[in-house]
């Protein structure tokens, strides 16, 4: 998933970003509400972890603006205020979930994952292309009964292409879906990751490449 963490405490923000990256997500960060709004105009995030007490533009205003504009991301609001009225206010503004500080990081990761699952139809648990089966909640891949261990980026590329099976997607599209805002658009990361993914999946080849066009997943 592509996530945005909006938190003005830089140490906490960095810790959340690194933890969510270890969980296999592509994560961007914003340190104030205005920066968050600007980033959402560029990137279609799946889940936004939004601190409530933000400088420049308050988290309540960010949440309300995103909700009013029909922005599709699920919003997990963070706050030091733990009262029922505070939680109700956040949910009324359009937040999908609410977590009080301090929080257990495992709970944050679990709530983000749950919100991500709600962003797609409930029945979509897995995706398959040919004989390759992808279980989304457990992030596992099998081919002809064999488990195939993948890195987070390899899994992200496979999932993104499998969801769009048969459709050509550019390297820039994959960078936007699987990497974060710091990814160099001229990097060879996509090409290298696809090559490693092909080698792990084995024959027959599941991913086609066309120079100047991009990549697509097809059933052999």
C-alpha atoms as a PDB file:
ATOM      1  CA  UNK A   1       0.000   0.000   0.000  1.00  0.00           C
ATOM      2  CA  UNK A   2       0.995   3.621  -0.479  1.00  0.00           C
ATOM      3  CA  UNK A   3       0.740   5.448   2.845  1.00  0.00           C
ATOM      4  CA  UNK A   4       1.123   9.026   4.067  1.00  0.00           C
ATOM      5  CA  UNK A   5       2.165   9.755   7.652  1.00  0.00           C
ATOM      6  CA  UNK A   6       1.330  13.291   8.832  1.00  0.00           C
ATOM      7  CA  UNK A   7       3.041  13.996  12.151  1.00  0.00           C
ATOM      8  CA  UNK A   8       4.835  17.177  13.272  1.00  0.00           C
ATOM      9  CA  UNK A   9       7.062  15.463  15.870  1.00  0.00           C
ATOM     10  CA  UNK A  10       9.964  14.529  13.590  1.00  0.00           C
ATOM     11  CA  UNK A  11      11.364  11.708  15.746  1.00  0.00           C
ATOM     12  CA  UNK A  12       7.953  10.051  16.094  1.00  0.00           C
ATOM     13  CA  UNK A  13       7.185  10.627  12.413  1.00  0.00           C
ATOM     14  CA  UNK A  14      10.453   8.990  11.366  1.00  0.00           C
ATOM     15  CA  UNK A  15       9.814   6.018  13.682  1.00  0.00           C
ATOM     16  CA  UNK A  16       6.315   5.477  12.273  1.00  0.00           C
ATOM     17  CA  UNK A  17       7.565   5.729   8.689  1.00  0.00           C
ATOM     18  CA  UNK A  18      10.392   3.242   9.245  1.00  0.00           C
ATOM     19  CA  UNK A  19       8.114   0.810  11.052  1.00  0.00           C
ATOM     20  CA  UNK A  20       5.484   0.874   8.317  1.00  0.00           C
ATOM     21  CA  UNK A  21       8.196   0.446   5.686  1.00  0.00           C
ATOM     22  CA  UNK A  22       9.407  -2.659   7.511  1.00  0.00           C
ATOM     23  CA  UNK A  23       5.824  -3.930   7.293  1.00  0.00           C
ATOM     24  CA  UNK A  24       6.144  -3.762   3.499  1.00  0.00           C
ATOM     25  CA  UNK A  25       4.465  -0.459   2.673  1.00  0.00           C
ATOM     26  CA  UNK A  26       5.587   2.507   0.558  1.00  0.00           C
ATOM     27  CA  UNK A  27       5.459   5.464   2.964  1.00  0.00           C
ATOM     28  CA  UNK A  28       5.720   9.243   2.534  1.00  0.00           C
ATOM     29  CA  UNK A  29       5.776  11.801   5.340  1.00  0.00           C
ATOM     30  CA  UNK A  30       4.487  15.330   5.928  1.00  0.00           C
ATOM     31  CA  UNK A  31       5.257  17.497   8.960  1.00  0.00           C
ATOM     32  CA  UNK A  32       2.272  19.855   8.790  1.00  0.00           C
ATOM     33  CA  UNK A  33      -1.256  19.912   7.477  1.00  0.00           C
ATOM     34  CA  UNK A  34      -0.586  22.200   4.534  1.00  0.00           C
ATOM     35  CA  UNK A  35       2.197  19.939   3.269  1.00  0.00           C
ATOM     36  CA  UNK A  36      -0.120  16.946   3.651  1.00  0.00           C
ATOM     37  CA  UNK A  37      -2.815  18.590   1.531  1.00  0.00           C
ATOM     38  CA  UNK A  38      -0.269  19.392  -1.166  1.00  0.00           C
ATOM     39  CA  UNK A  39       0.956  15.783  -1.269  1.00  0.00           C
ATOM     40  CA  UNK A  40      -2.569  14.380  -1.526  1.00  0.00           C
ATOM     41  CA  UNK A  41      -3.101  16.515  -4.633  1.00  0.00           C
ATOM     42  CA  UNK A  42      -0.277  14.573  -6.287  1.00  0.00           C
ATOM     43  CA  UNK A  43      -0.477  11.016  -4.913  1.00  0.00           C
ATOM     44  CA  UNK A  44      -3.575   8.795  -4.482  1.00  0.00           C
ATOM     45  CA  UNK A  45      -2.719   7.324  -1.063  1.00  0.00           C
ATOM     46  CA  UNK A  46      -4.465   4.214   0.237  1.00  0.00           C
ATOM     47  CA  UNK A  47      -4.250   5.109   3.953  1.00  0.00           C
ATOM     48  CA  UNK A  48      -3.306   8.336   5.740  1.00  0.00           C
ATOM     49  CA  UNK A  49      -2.015   8.274   9.332  1.00  0.00           C
ATOM     50  CA  UNK A  50      -2.999  11.766  10.468  1.00  0.00           C
ATOM     51  CA  UNK A  51      -1.964  13.474  13.697  1.00  0.00           C
ATOM     52  CA  UNK A  52      -4.710  15.735  14.965  1.00  0.00           C
ATOM     53  CA  UNK A  53      -2.690  18.562  16.524  1.00  0.00           C
ATOM     54  CA  UNK A  54      -0.764  19.801  13.466  1.00  0.00           C
ATOM     55  CA  UNK A  55       0.822  23.192  12.736  1.00  0.00           C
ATOM     56  CA  UNK A  56      -0.107  25.443   9.776  1.00  0.00           C
ATOM     57  CA  UNK A  57      -3.317  23.512   9.066  1.00  0.00           C
ATOM     58  CA  UNK A  58      -4.946  21.592  11.915  1.00  0.00           C
ATOM     59  CA  UNK A  59      -5.491  17.869  11.484  1.00  0.00           C
ATOM     60  CA  UNK A  60      -9.251  18.328  11.900  1.00  0.00           C
ATOM     61  CA  UNK A  61      -9.256  20.710   8.939  1.00  0.00           C
ATOM     62  CA  UNK A  62      -7.150  18.314   6.847  1.00  0.00           C
ATOM     63  CA  UNK A  63      -9.516  15.445   7.598  1.00  0.00           C
ATOM     64  CA  UNK A  64     -12.616  17.520   6.865  1.00  0.00           C
ATOM     65  CA  UNK A  65     -11.156  18.850   3.588  1.00  0.00           C
ATOM     66  CA  UNK A  66     -10.172  15.395   2.336  1.00  0.00           C
ATOM     67  CA  UNK A  67     -13.577  14.017   3.240  1.00  0.00           C
ATOM     68  CA  UNK A  68     -15.408  16.929   1.579  1.00  0.00           C
ATOM     69  CA  UNK A  69     -13.340  16.508  -1.603  1.00  0.00           C
ATOM     70  CA  UNK A  70     -14.123  12.793  -1.783  1.00  0.00           C
ATOM     71  CA  UNK A  71     -10.467  11.798  -1.412  1.00  0.00           C
ATOM     72  CA  UNK A  72     -10.489   7.976  -1.424  1.00  0.00           C
ATOM     73  CA  UNK A  73      -7.852   7.261   1.249  1.00  0.00           C
ATOM     74  CA  UNK A  74      -8.824   5.756   4.588  1.00  0.00           C
ATOM     75  CA  UNK A  75      -7.796   8.008   7.491  1.00  0.00           C
ATOM     76  CA  UNK A  76      -6.381   6.849  10.826  1.00  0.00           C
ATOM     77  CA  UNK A  77      -6.338   9.816  13.176  1.00  0.00           C
ATOM     78  CA  UNK A  78      -3.751  10.043  15.976  1.00  0.00           C
ATOM     79  CA  UNK A  79      -4.194  12.252  19.036  1.00  0.00           C
ATOM     80  CA  UNK A  80      -2.978  12.761  22.565  1.00  0.00           C
ATOM     81  CA  UNK A  81      -6.594  13.439  23.588  1.00  0.00           C
ATOM     82  CA  UNK A  82      -8.254  10.208  24.636  1.00  0.00           C
ATOM     83  CA  UNK A  83     -11.722  11.437  25.603  1.00  0.00           C
ATOM     84  CA  UNK A  84     -14.840  10.032  24.002  1.00  0.00           C
ATOM     85  CA  UNK A  85     -15.867  13.480  22.716  1.00  0.00           C
ATOM     86  CA  UNK A  86     -12.501  13.832  20.957  1.00  0.00           C
ATOM     87  CA  UNK A  87     -12.873  10.443  19.281  1.00  0.00           C
ATOM     88  CA  UNK A  88     -16.435  11.188  18.203  1.00  0.00           C
ATOM     89  CA  UNK A  89     -15.370  14.556  16.763  1.00  0.00           C
ATOM     90  CA  UNK A  90     -12.598  12.930  14.730  1.00  0.00           C
ATOM     91  CA  UNK A  91     -14.935  10.269  13.346  1.00  0.00           C
ATOM     92  CA  UNK A  92     -17.593  12.874  12.555  1.00  0.00           C
ATOM     93  CA  UNK A  93     -15.023  14.795  10.504  1.00  0.00           C
ATOM     94  CA  UNK A  94     -14.518  11.773   8.264  1.00  0.00           C
ATOM     95  CA  UNK A  95     -11.804   9.718   9.970  1.00  0.00           C
ATOM     96  CA  UNK A  96     -12.162   5.964   9.555  1.00  0.00           C
ATOM     97  CA  UNK A  97     -10.349   5.019  12.759  1.00  0.00           C
ATOM     98  CA  UNK A  98      -8.880   6.679  15.833  1.00  0.00           C
ATOM     99  CA  UNK A  99      -5.803   5.839  17.919  1.00  0.00           C
ATOM    100  CA  UNK A 100      -4.744   7.617  21.107  1.00  0.00           C
ATOM    101  CA  UNK A 101      -1.132   8.433  21.976  1.00  0.00           C
ATOM    102  CA  UNK A 102       0.861   6.738  23.329  1.00  0.00           C
ATOM    103  CA  UNK A 103       0.062   3.643  21.290  1.00  0.00           C
ATOM    104  CA  UNK A 104       1.542   0.186  20.763  1.00  0.00           C
ATOM    105  CA  UNK A 105       3.199   0.138  17.364  1.00  0.00           C
ATOM    106  CA  UNK A 106       1.888  -3.351  16.594  1.00  0.00           C
ATOM    107  CA  UNK A 107      -1.626  -1.990  17.001  1.00  0.00           C
ATOM    108  CA  UNK A 108      -0.894   0.889  14.613  1.00  0.00           C
ATOM    109  CA  UNK A 109       0.384  -1.531  11.950  1.00  0.00           C
ATOM    110  CA  UNK A 110      -2.654  -3.784  12.421  1.00  0.00           C
ATOM    111  CA  UNK A 111      -5.095  -0.881  12.156  1.00  0.00           C
ATOM    112  CA  UNK A 112      -3.390   0.433   9.003  1.00  0.00           C
ATOM    113  CA  UNK A 113      -3.590  -3.041   7.452  1.00  0.00           C
ATOM    114  CA  UNK A 114      -7.273  -3.301   8.377  1.00  0.00           C
ATOM    115  CA  UNK A 115      -8.019   0.069   6.794  1.00  0.00           C
ATOM    116  CA  UNK A 116      -6.151  -0.995   3.680  1.00  0.00           C
ATOM    117  CA  UNK A 117      -8.314  -4.091   3.389  1.00  0.00           C
ATOM    118  CA  UNK A 118     -11.418  -1.922   3.660  1.00  0.00           C
ATOM    119  CA  UNK A 119     -10.236   0.141   0.704  1.00  0.00           C
ATOM    120  CA  UNK A 120     -11.028  -2.794  -1.635  1.00  0.00           C
ATOM    121  CA  UNK A 121     -14.099  -5.064  -1.753  1.00  0.00           C
ATOM    122  CA  UNK A 122     -14.210  -7.444   1.204  1.00  0.00           C
ATOM    123  CA  UNK A 123     -14.240 -10.505  -1.034  1.00  0.00           C
ATOM    124  CA  UNK A 124     -10.880  -9.591  -2.614  1.00  0.00           C
ATOM    125  CA  UNK A 125      -8.522 -11.638  -0.477  1.00  0.00           C
ATOM    126  CA  UNK A 126      -6.249 -12.854  -3.223  1.00  0.00           C
ATOM    127  CA  UNK A 127      -5.224 -12.251  -6.813  1.00  0.00           C
ATOM    128  CA  UNK A 128      -4.069 -14.866  -9.287  1.00  0.00           C
ATOM    129  CA  UNK A 129      -2.455 -14.741 -12.705  1.00  0.00           C
ATOM    130  CA  UNK A 130      -2.069 -18.073 -14.438  1.00  0.00           C
ATOM    131  CA  UNK A 131      -0.755 -20.519 -11.856  1.00  0.00           C
ATOM    132  CA  UNK A 132       0.593 -17.822  -9.524  1.00  0.00           C
ATOM    133  CA  UNK A 133      -1.554 -17.227  -6.440  1.00  0.00           C
ATOM    134  CA  UNK A 134      -1.123 -14.086  -4.307  1.00  0.00           C
ATOM    135  CA  UNK A 135      -2.655 -13.973  -0.826  1.00  0.00           C
ATOM    136  CA  UNK A 136      -2.957 -10.275   0.018  1.00  0.00           C
ATOM    137  CA  UNK A 137      -3.563 -10.331   3.817  1.00  0.00           C
ATOM    138  CA  UNK A 138      -0.644 -12.708   4.493  1.00  0.00           C
ATOM    139  CA  UNK A 139       1.509 -11.325   1.646  1.00  0.00           C
ATOM    140  CA  UNK A 140       2.411 -14.831   0.479  1.00  0.00           C
ATOM    141  CA  UNK A 141       2.907 -16.094  -3.078  1.00  0.00           C
ATOM    142  CA  UNK A 142       2.604 -19.664  -4.352  1.00  0.00           C
ATOM    143  CA  UNK A 143       3.192 -21.215  -7.757  1.00  0.00           C
ATOM    144  CA  UNK A 144       2.220 -24.805  -8.446  1.00  0.00           C
ATOM    145  CA  UNK A 145       2.171 -25.472  -4.701  1.00  0.00           C
ATOM    146  CA  UNK A 146       5.593 -23.911  -4.082  1.00  0.00           C
ATOM    147  CA  UNK A 147       5.990 -20.973  -1.688  1.00  0.00           C
ATOM    148  CA  UNK A 148       7.961 -18.126  -3.250  1.00  0.00           C
ATOM    149  CA  UNK A 149       9.573 -15.752  -0.723  1.00  0.00           C
ATOM    150  CA  UNK A 150       9.627 -12.160  -2.001  1.00  0.00           C
ATOM    151  CA  UNK A 151      11.004  -8.886  -0.689  1.00  0.00           C
ATOM    152  CA  UNK A 152       8.440  -6.134   0.059  1.00  0.00           C
ATOM    153  CA  UNK A 153       9.241  -4.343  -3.217  1.00  0.00           C
ATOM    154  CA  UNK A 154       9.067  -7.551  -5.261  1.00  0.00           C
ATOM    155  CA  UNK A 155       5.703  -8.382  -3.696  1.00  0.00           C
ATOM    156  CA  UNK A 156       4.492  -4.830  -4.335  1.00  0.00           C
ATOM    157  CA  UNK A 157       5.416  -4.994  -8.030  1.00  0.00           C
ATOM    158  CA  UNK A 158       3.786  -8.414  -8.445  1.00  0.00           C
ATOM    159  CA  UNK A 159       0.605  -7.319  -6.650  1.00  0.00           C
ATOM    160  CA  UNK A 160       0.361  -4.088  -8.663  1.00  0.00           C
ATOM    161  CA  UNK A 161       0.806  -5.845 -12.009  1.00  0.00           C
ATOM    162  CA  UNK A 162      -1.460  -8.757 -11.055  1.00  0.00           C
ATOM    163  CA  UNK A 163      -4.289  -6.390 -10.110  1.00  0.00           C
ATOM    164  CA  UNK A 164      -3.950  -4.867 -13.586  1.00  0.00           C
ATOM    165  CA  UNK A 165      -3.293  -8.174 -15.392  1.00  0.00           C
ATOM    166  CA  UNK A 166      -3.131  -7.824 -19.152  1.00  0.00           C
ATOM    167  CA  UNK A 167      -2.666  -4.042 -18.981  1.00  0.00           C
ATOM    168  CA  UNK A 168       0.661  -2.382 -19.822  1.00  0.00           C
ATOM    169  CA  UNK A 169       2.004  -0.271 -16.960  1.00  0.00           C
ATOM    170  CA  UNK A 170       5.013   2.028 -17.137  1.00  0.00           C
ATOM    171  CA  UNK A 171       8.008   2.017 -14.821  1.00  0.00           C
ATOM    172  CA  UNK A 172       6.843   5.434 -13.585  1.00  0.00           C
ATOM    173  CA  UNK A 173       3.451   3.952 -12.664  1.00  0.00           C
ATOM    174  CA  UNK A 174       5.154   1.196 -10.663  1.00  0.00           C
ATOM    175  CA  UNK A 175       7.400   3.734  -8.915  1.00  0.00           C
ATOM    176  CA  UNK A 176       4.296   5.651  -7.869  1.00  0.00           C
ATOM    177  CA  UNK A 177       2.520   2.526  -6.617  1.00  0.00           C
ATOM    178  CA  UNK A 178       5.341   0.651  -4.885  1.00  0.00           C
ATOM    179  CA  UNK A 179       8.056   3.159  -3.987  1.00  0.00           C
ATOM    180  CA  UNK A 180       7.794   6.449  -2.088  1.00  0.00           C
ATOM    181  CA  UNK A 181       8.150  10.130  -2.951  1.00  0.00           C
ATOM    182  CA  UNK A 182      11.954   9.968  -2.638  1.00  0.00           C
ATOM    183  CA  UNK A 183      12.314   7.441  -5.458  1.00  0.00           C
ATOM    184  CA  UNK A 184      14.457   8.756  -8.308  1.00  0.00           C
ATOM    185  CA  UNK A 185      12.366   8.614 -11.523  1.00  0.00           C
ATOM    186  CA  UNK A 186      15.562   7.819 -13.441  1.00  0.00           C
ATOM    187  CA  UNK A 187      16.549   4.926 -11.194  1.00  0.00           C
ATOM    188  CA  UNK A 188      16.876   1.357 -12.436  1.00  0.00           C
ATOM    189  CA  UNK A 189      15.059   0.094  -9.330  1.00  0.00           C
ATOM    190  CA  UNK A 190      11.982  -1.066 -11.257  1.00  0.00           C
ATOM    191  CA  UNK A 191      13.988  -2.893 -13.914  1.00  0.00           C
ATOM    192  CA  UNK A 192      16.188  -4.612 -11.316  1.00  0.00           C
ATOM    193  CA  UNK A 193      13.223  -5.558  -9.102  1.00  0.00           C
ATOM    194  CA  UNK A 194      11.278  -7.002 -12.053  1.00  0.00           C
ATOM    195  CA  UNK A 195      14.344  -9.025 -13.107  1.00  0.00           C
ATOM    196  CA  UNK A 196      14.695 -10.500  -9.598  1.00  0.00           C
ATOM    197  CA  UNK A 197      10.957 -11.178  -9.461  1.00  0.00           C
ATOM    198  CA  UNK A 198      11.052 -13.021 -12.790  1.00  0.00           C
ATOM    199  CA  UNK A 199      13.933 -15.183 -11.597  1.00  0.00           C
ATOM    200  CA  UNK A 200      12.084 -16.139  -8.418  1.00  0.00           C
ATOM    201  CA  UNK A 201       8.796 -16.895 -10.184  1.00  0.00           C
ATOM    202  CA  UNK A 202      10.550 -19.131 -12.712  1.00  0.00           C
ATOM    203  CA  UNK A 203       9.251 -20.406 -16.029  1.00  0.00           C
ATOM    204  CA  UNK A 204       7.049 -19.883 -17.883  1.00  0.00           C
ATOM    205  CA  UNK A 205       7.515 -16.114 -17.631  1.00  0.00           C
ATOM    206  CA  UNK A 206       4.605 -14.253 -16.040  1.00  0.00           C
ATOM    207  CA  UNK A 207       5.763 -10.680 -16.736  1.00  0.00           C
ATOM    208  CA  UNK A 208       6.173  -9.237 -20.210  1.00  0.00           C
ATOM    209  CA  UNK A 209       8.354  -6.214 -20.996  1.00  0.00           C
ATOM    210  CA  UNK A 210       8.156  -3.873 -23.970  1.00  0.00           C
ATOM    211  CA  UNK A 211      10.795  -1.196 -24.356  1.00  0.00           C
ATOM    212  CA  UNK A 212       9.324   2.286 -24.109  1.00  0.00           C
ATOM    213  CA  UNK A 213       5.978   0.926 -22.899  1.00  0.00           C
ATOM    214  CA  UNK A 214       6.523  -0.899 -19.624  1.00  0.00           C
ATOM    215  CA  UNK A 215       5.424  -4.157 -18.027  1.00  0.00           C
ATOM    216  CA  UNK A 216       2.345  -6.335 -17.795  1.00  0.00           C
ATOM    217  CA  UNK A 217       1.387  -9.574 -16.053  1.00  0.00           C
ATOM    218  CA  UNK A 218      -0.119 -12.219 -18.329  1.00  0.00           C
ATOM    219  CA  UNK A 219      -1.120 -15.831 -17.870  1.00  0.00           C
ATOM    220  CA  UNK A 220       1.454 -17.962 -19.738  1.00  0.00           C
END
